[in-house]
């Protein structure tokens, strides 16, 4: 008799409590909303929605482009105001929660969704996030964990035609996910919408995961999902997240995505952008996301950045402000 891996649908039908976490920071918490809606339809009774502590806020002294943010800031969730620490690296937030006067995406989204919303902290590296998630999973009896992502952040293997620009945060989250003590699924939408990879390259990466038996189903946005999704985008404006809902409304084709540089990058949006593909994260790590294993034992953000740079040969997106500020002081900006 053949043993089939359960799909997200089958796991959700059997689950009573679930967590959905945006894995790339910024507005990725919004990506979890359609997944949470779907799990509610399938009968999941309690859902926790969240993201990680990486936000694309303008850092102090970060340059002269007020409407363009070059890099994310990974902040300490213990310093969140109007928030409750569930675990050392897991904070429950409400609409009033702020860090240094800035409202995280999770706090903004908590105003428009019916679920408890959390932020997973990255300050203590992958180990800190993993341990806090596992403690919460045991304490609350979580049956299913889903990581939500956009575009191609988590699919870099080091052989791309152009280097990744913002994948460290996603790879850290994925590294924590594969060490959790409950069934875990990686779900992504907005196929290539982040302009991180050419569509042919992403096709090749996804095909490797599928060939290795890692495809666990798909889900297309409903009209209610689109409504809820865009409502969250109004609460927390983000340059990339809306592409998912807009694709479901037929806004397709070549787009200039306002990321990486003040001029942005080109992305080709297809109907697939409005569909979530669900994958086995452990197979992803074996087949494609090769840098994830190197980050598994990191205990600080600095350690993760160093490994990402020295061991994996990639430039952490979190280092960009240091370079820009240095160049600016030299008189080039």
Protein backbone atom coordinates (compact mmCIF):
# COMPACT_ATOMS: atom_id res chain seq x y z
CA UNK A 1 0.00 0.00 0.00
CA UNK A 2 1.34 3.43 -0.99
CA UNK A 3 2.00 5.93 1.77
CA UNK A 4 0.97 9.40 0.69
CA UNK A 5 2.17 12.54 2.43
CA UNK A 6 -0.84 14.44 3.73
CA UNK A 7 -1.67 17.67 1.94
CA UNK A 8 -2.30 20.96 3.73
CA UNK A 9 -6.02 20.36 3.22
CA UNK A 10 -5.88 16.96 4.93
CA UNK A 11 -3.73 18.25 7.79
CA UNK A 12 -6.05 21.22 8.35
CA UNK A 13 -9.17 19.04 8.37
CA UNK A 14 -7.60 17.02 11.19
CA UNK A 15 -6.33 20.07 13.12
CA UNK A 16 -8.04 22.03 15.89
CA UNK A 17 -5.33 24.64 16.45
CA UNK A 18 -2.92 26.13 13.93
CA UNK A 19 -0.29 28.83 13.50
CA UNK A 20 0.31 30.76 10.28
CA UNK A 21 3.47 32.88 10.11
CA UNK A 22 4.75 35.17 7.37
CA UNK A 23 8.38 34.14 7.03
CA UNK A 24 10.04 37.06 5.24
CA UNK A 25 9.25 40.00 7.48
CA UNK A 26 7.75 43.23 6.19
CA UNK A 27 4.11 42.68 5.27
CA UNK A 28 4.34 38.89 4.93
CA UNK A 29 1.84 38.51 7.77
CA UNK A 30 -0.76 39.58 5.17
CA UNK A 31 0.05 36.49 3.12
CA UNK A 32 -1.22 34.37 5.99
CA UNK A 33 -4.76 35.75 5.81
CA UNK A 34 -6.06 33.62 2.89
CA UNK A 35 -4.45 30.51 4.42
CA UNK A 36 -6.12 31.25 7.77
CA UNK A 37 -9.45 31.83 5.99
CA UNK A 38 -9.09 28.49 4.24
CA UNK A 39 -8.28 26.65 7.46
CA UNK A 40 -11.34 28.17 9.14
CA UNK A 41 -13.51 26.83 6.31
CA UNK A 42 -11.92 23.42 6.90
CA UNK A 43 -12.88 23.52 10.57
CA UNK A 44 -9.75 24.67 12.40
CA UNK A 45 -11.09 26.13 15.65
CA UNK A 46 -8.20 28.33 16.81
CA UNK A 47 -5.73 30.16 14.56
CA UNK A 48 -2.74 32.30 15.48
CA UNK A 49 -1.51 34.64 12.72
CA UNK A 50 1.88 36.29 12.72
CA UNK A 51 5.17 37.32 11.16
CA UNK A 52 8.81 37.84 12.15
CA UNK A 53 10.58 40.86 13.64
CA UNK A 54 12.00 42.28 10.41
CA UNK A 55 10.48 45.51 9.11
CA UNK A 56 11.45 47.77 6.21
CA UNK A 57 11.48 50.99 8.19
CA UNK A 58 13.79 53.87 7.34
CA UNK A 59 16.71 53.50 9.77
CA UNK A 60 18.03 56.64 11.42
CA UNK A 61 20.50 58.29 9.05
CA UNK A 62 19.68 55.77 6.36
CA UNK A 63 19.97 58.07 3.38
CA UNK A 64 18.09 60.78 1.58
CA UNK A 65 15.37 58.74 -0.12
CA UNK A 66 12.47 59.15 2.31
CA UNK A 67 10.03 57.04 0.30
CA UNK A 68 12.47 54.25 -0.47
CA UNK A 69 13.79 51.82 2.16
CA UNK A 70 16.98 50.01 1.26
CA UNK A 71 17.01 47.29 3.90
CA UNK A 72 15.08 45.76 6.79
CA UNK A 73 15.59 46.41 10.47
CA UNK A 74 15.50 43.34 12.73
CA UNK A 75 14.22 44.63 16.05
CA UNK A 76 14.08 43.24 19.59
CA UNK A 77 10.49 42.19 20.34
CA UNK A 78 11.15 42.66 24.07
CA UNK A 79 11.23 46.39 23.32
CA UNK A 80 7.78 46.43 21.73
CA UNK A 81 5.40 48.74 23.56
CA UNK A 82 1.80 47.63 24.16
CA UNK A 83 2.68 43.98 23.52
CA UNK A 84 2.71 40.83 25.66
CA UNK A 85 5.57 38.33 25.59
CA UNK A 86 4.15 34.83 25.25
CA UNK A 87 7.66 33.38 25.05
CA UNK A 88 11.13 35.03 24.99
CA UNK A 89 10.99 35.29 21.18
CA UNK A 90 7.21 35.38 20.68
CA UNK A 91 5.10 38.48 21.32
CA UNK A 92 1.34 38.94 21.18
CA UNK A 93 0.54 42.30 19.57
CA UNK A 94 -2.50 44.55 19.25
CA UNK A 95 -3.15 47.64 17.09
CA UNK A 96 -1.37 49.89 19.60
CA UNK A 97 1.93 47.95 19.59
CA UNK A 98 4.97 49.93 18.43
CA UNK A 99 8.75 49.74 18.31
CA UNK A 100 10.55 53.06 18.61
CA UNK A 101 7.40 54.82 17.42
CA UNK A 102 6.94 52.52 14.39
CA UNK A 103 3.99 50.16 14.12
CA UNK A 104 4.92 46.66 12.86
CA UNK A 105 2.86 45.12 10.09
CA UNK A 106 1.52 42.57 12.56
CA UNK A 107 0.14 45.29 14.84
CA UNK A 108 -1.52 47.05 11.91
CA UNK A 109 -3.02 43.82 10.59
CA UNK A 110 -4.33 42.85 14.05
CA UNK A 111 -6.83 45.69 13.64
CA UNK A 112 -8.55 44.02 10.67
CA UNK A 113 -8.40 40.26 11.39
CA UNK A 114 -10.30 38.12 13.94
CA UNK A 115 -7.30 36.09 15.16
CA UNK A 116 -4.65 36.57 17.83
CA UNK A 117 -1.61 38.08 16.09
CA UNK A 118 2.03 37.51 17.07
CA UNK A 119 5.58 38.50 16.13
CA UNK A 120 8.35 35.91 16.17
CA UNK A 121 11.69 37.39 17.25
CA UNK A 122 14.93 36.92 15.30
CA UNK A 123 17.29 38.70 17.70
CA UNK A 124 18.42 35.38 19.21
CA UNK A 125 18.93 33.75 15.84
CA UNK A 126 17.20 30.64 14.55
CA UNK A 127 17.59 28.87 17.91
CA UNK A 128 15.68 31.59 19.75
CA UNK A 129 12.79 31.60 17.29
CA UNK A 130 12.68 27.79 17.14
CA UNK A 131 12.66 27.32 20.89
CA UNK A 132 9.93 29.91 21.49
CA UNK A 133 7.73 28.49 18.75
CA UNK A 134 8.17 24.95 20.06
CA UNK A 135 7.34 26.02 23.63
CA UNK A 136 4.18 27.71 22.39
CA UNK A 137 3.26 24.72 20.21
CA UNK A 138 3.46 22.40 23.23
CA UNK A 139 1.72 24.81 25.60
CA UNK A 140 -1.23 25.52 23.29
CA UNK A 141 -1.46 22.12 21.61
CA UNK A 142 -0.82 23.40 18.08
CA UNK A 143 -1.61 20.75 15.45
CA UNK A 144 -0.30 22.50 12.31
CA UNK A 145 2.18 25.26 11.44
CA UNK A 146 2.21 27.00 8.05
CA UNK A 147 4.89 29.41 6.90
CA UNK A 148 3.67 31.98 4.35
CA UNK A 149 6.01 33.63 1.85
CA UNK A 150 5.92 35.59 -1.39
CA UNK A 151 7.87 35.16 -4.59
CA UNK A 152 11.24 33.46 -4.62
CA UNK A 153 12.95 34.50 -1.36
CA UNK A 154 13.35 30.96 -0.03
CA UNK A 155 14.42 29.22 -3.25
CA UNK A 156 17.97 30.50 -3.70
CA UNK A 157 20.63 27.82 -4.09
CA UNK A 158 23.61 30.01 -5.00
CA UNK A 159 23.44 29.35 -8.74
CA UNK A 160 21.21 32.25 -9.80
CA UNK A 161 22.05 34.56 -12.70
CA UNK A 162 21.88 37.45 -10.23
CA UNK A 163 22.53 37.27 -6.46
CA UNK A 164 19.65 37.22 -3.98
CA UNK A 165 18.78 40.59 -2.51
CA UNK A 166 16.60 39.77 0.48
CA UNK A 167 16.60 36.09 1.40
CA UNK A 168 18.37 35.90 4.78
CA UNK A 169 15.22 36.50 6.84
CA UNK A 170 13.20 33.92 4.91
CA UNK A 171 15.98 31.34 5.20
CA UNK A 172 16.22 31.90 8.96
CA UNK A 173 12.47 31.40 9.33
CA UNK A 174 12.58 28.30 7.16
CA UNK A 175 15.44 26.97 9.27
CA UNK A 176 13.31 27.33 12.41
CA UNK A 177 10.30 25.76 10.67
CA UNK A 178 12.05 22.50 9.85
CA UNK A 179 12.84 22.07 13.55
CA UNK A 180 9.30 22.43 14.89
CA UNK A 181 7.47 19.79 16.88
CA UNK A 182 4.30 19.60 14.78
CA UNK A 183 3.38 19.10 11.11
CA UNK A 184 4.79 22.03 9.15
CA UNK A 185 4.09 23.30 5.63
CA UNK A 186 5.63 26.07 3.54
CA UNK A 187 3.12 28.00 1.42
CA UNK A 188 3.93 30.73 -1.05
CA UNK A 189 1.99 32.95 -3.43
CA UNK A 190 2.89 35.90 -5.65
CA UNK A 191 5.00 33.74 -7.96
CA UNK A 192 8.08 35.92 -8.82
CA UNK A 193 6.30 39.06 -7.52
CA UNK A 194 9.27 39.94 -5.31
CA UNK A 195 11.51 40.27 -8.39
CA UNK A 196 14.11 38.10 -6.64
CA UNK A 197 14.44 35.56 -9.43
CA UNK A 198 13.60 35.14 -13.10
CA UNK A 199 10.48 33.07 -13.68
CA UNK A 200 12.42 30.36 -15.52
CA UNK A 201 14.77 29.97 -12.56
CA UNK A 202 11.93 29.77 -10.06
CA UNK A 203 10.18 27.18 -12.24
CA UNK A 204 13.33 25.07 -12.14
CA UNK A 205 13.65 25.35 -8.35
CA UNK A 206 10.00 24.47 -7.72
CA UNK A 207 10.21 21.56 -10.14
CA UNK A 208 13.08 20.09 -8.11
CA UNK A 209 10.96 20.18 -4.96
CA UNK A 210 8.03 18.60 -6.79
CA UNK A 211 10.21 15.88 -8.30
CA UNK A 212 11.47 15.03 -4.81
CA UNK A 213 7.88 14.53 -3.59
CA UNK A 214 7.51 17.85 -1.83
CA UNK A 215 4.33 19.21 -3.44
CA UNK A 216 1.48 19.19 -0.89
CA UNK A 217 -1.36 20.92 -2.72
CA UNK A 218 -2.50 24.37 -3.78
CA UNK A 219 -5.11 26.98 -2.98
CA UNK A 220 -6.49 29.86 -5.06
CA UNK A 221 -7.73 33.11 -3.54
CA UNK A 222 -11.49 33.44 -3.18
CA UNK A 223 -13.26 36.77 -3.55
CA UNK A 224 -13.51 37.00 0.23
CA UNK A 225 -9.76 36.39 0.47
CA UNK A 226 -9.12 39.24 -1.96
CA UNK A 227 -11.33 41.56 0.07
CA UNK A 228 -9.68 40.64 3.39
CA UNK A 229 -6.21 40.76 1.85
CA UNK A 230 -6.60 44.24 0.37
CA UNK A 231 -8.14 45.49 3.62
CA UNK A 232 -4.96 44.38 5.38
CA UNK A 233 -2.85 46.07 2.69
CA UNK A 234 -4.69 49.31 3.45
CA UNK A 235 -3.89 48.88 7.13
CA UNK A 236 -0.22 48.27 6.33
CA UNK A 237 0.83 49.55 2.88
CA UNK A 238 3.49 47.31 1.36
CA UNK A 239 5.02 47.56 -2.13
CA UNK A 240 4.94 43.82 -2.90
CA UNK A 241 2.15 42.07 -1.01
CA UNK A 242 -0.75 43.60 -3.04
CA UNK A 243 0.41 41.82 -6.22
CA UNK A 244 -1.17 38.59 -4.91
CA UNK A 245 -4.70 40.00 -4.57
CA UNK A 246 -4.39 42.16 -7.68
CA UNK A 247 -3.43 39.09 -9.71
CA UNK A 248 -6.71 37.50 -8.58
CA UNK A 249 -8.44 40.57 -10.00
CA UNK A 250 -6.71 40.20 -13.35
CA UNK A 251 -3.95 42.78 -12.96
CA UNK A 252 -1.28 40.76 -14.78
CA UNK A 253 1.78 41.26 -16.99
CA UNK A 254 5.04 43.16 -16.63
CA UNK A 255 5.28 45.27 -13.49
CA UNK A 256 7.91 47.56 -12.05
CA UNK A 257 8.36 46.36 -8.48
CA UNK A 258 9.64 49.08 -6.10
CA UNK A 259 12.37 47.01 -4.44
CA UNK A 260 16.17 46.74 -4.29
CA UNK A 261 16.91 50.20 -5.74
CA UNK A 262 15.08 53.52 -6.23
CA UNK A 263 14.39 52.39 -9.81
CA UNK A 264 12.89 49.06 -8.76
CA UNK A 265 13.04 45.80 -10.69
CA UNK A 266 10.90 44.10 -13.28
CA UNK A 267 8.56 41.21 -12.48
CA UNK A 268 6.16 39.34 -14.74
CA UNK A 269 2.89 38.66 -12.93
CA UNK A 270 0.86 35.65 -14.14
CA UNK A 271 -2.41 34.13 -12.85
CA UNK A 272 -0.23 31.77 -10.79
CA UNK A 273 0.56 34.73 -8.51
CA UNK A 274 -2.95 34.39 -7.03
CA UNK A 275 -2.43 30.73 -6.11
CA UNK A 276 -0.66 29.34 -3.04
CA UNK A 277 1.60 26.37 -3.62
CA UNK A 278 2.15 24.23 -0.53
CA UNK A 279 5.46 22.42 -0.15
CA UNK A 280 7.25 20.19 2.34
CA UNK A 281 9.85 22.53 3.92
CA UNK A 282 12.26 19.70 4.73
CA UNK A 283 12.30 18.60 1.10
CA UNK A 284 12.77 22.23 0.04
CA UNK A 285 15.90 22.40 2.20
CA UNK A 286 17.29 19.18 0.76
CA UNK A 287 16.45 19.95 -2.87
CA UNK A 288 16.90 23.71 -3.20
CA UNK A 289 17.28 25.93 -0.13
CA UNK A 290 20.76 24.69 0.66
CA UNK A 291 21.75 27.60 2.90
CA UNK A 292 19.13 26.81 5.51
CA UNK A 293 21.09 24.07 7.29
CA UNK A 294 24.05 26.36 7.93
CA UNK A 295 21.80 28.73 9.88
CA UNK A 296 20.09 26.14 12.10
CA UNK A 297 22.23 26.60 15.21
CA UNK A 298 22.63 30.38 15.12
CA UNK A 299 21.94 32.13 18.43
CA UNK A 300 22.07 35.76 17.34
CA UNK A 301 21.29 37.89 14.32
CA UNK A 302 24.96 38.76 14.01
CA UNK A 303 25.93 35.08 13.85
CA UNK A 304 23.32 34.42 11.17
CA UNK A 305 24.54 37.39 9.12
CA UNK A 306 28.15 36.24 9.36
CA UNK A 307 27.36 32.67 8.28
CA UNK A 308 25.18 33.92 5.44
CA UNK A 309 28.05 36.12 4.25
CA UNK A 310 31.12 33.99 4.92
CA UNK A 311 29.89 30.41 4.64
CA UNK A 312 27.23 30.94 1.97
CA UNK A 313 28.91 33.74 0.06
CA UNK A 314 25.86 36.02 0.14
CA UNK A 315 25.47 39.63 1.26
CA UNK A 316 22.87 40.00 4.05
CA UNK A 317 20.15 42.50 3.26
CA UNK A 318 20.40 43.68 6.88
CA UNK A 319 23.92 45.01 6.19
CA UNK A 320 22.87 47.43 3.46
CA UNK A 321 22.38 50.51 5.71
CA UNK A 322 25.95 50.18 6.99
CA UNK A 323 27.30 50.25 3.44
CA UNK A 324 25.02 53.09 2.33
CA UNK A 325 25.85 55.20 5.38
CA UNK A 326 29.56 54.60 4.85
CA UNK A 327 29.37 55.63 1.20
CA UNK A 328 27.21 58.62 2.14
CA UNK A 329 29.79 59.83 4.64
CA UNK A 330 32.40 59.60 1.90
CA UNK A 331 30.38 62.12 -0.06
CA UNK A 332 28.85 59.91 -2.75
CA UNK A 333 25.21 60.32 -1.67
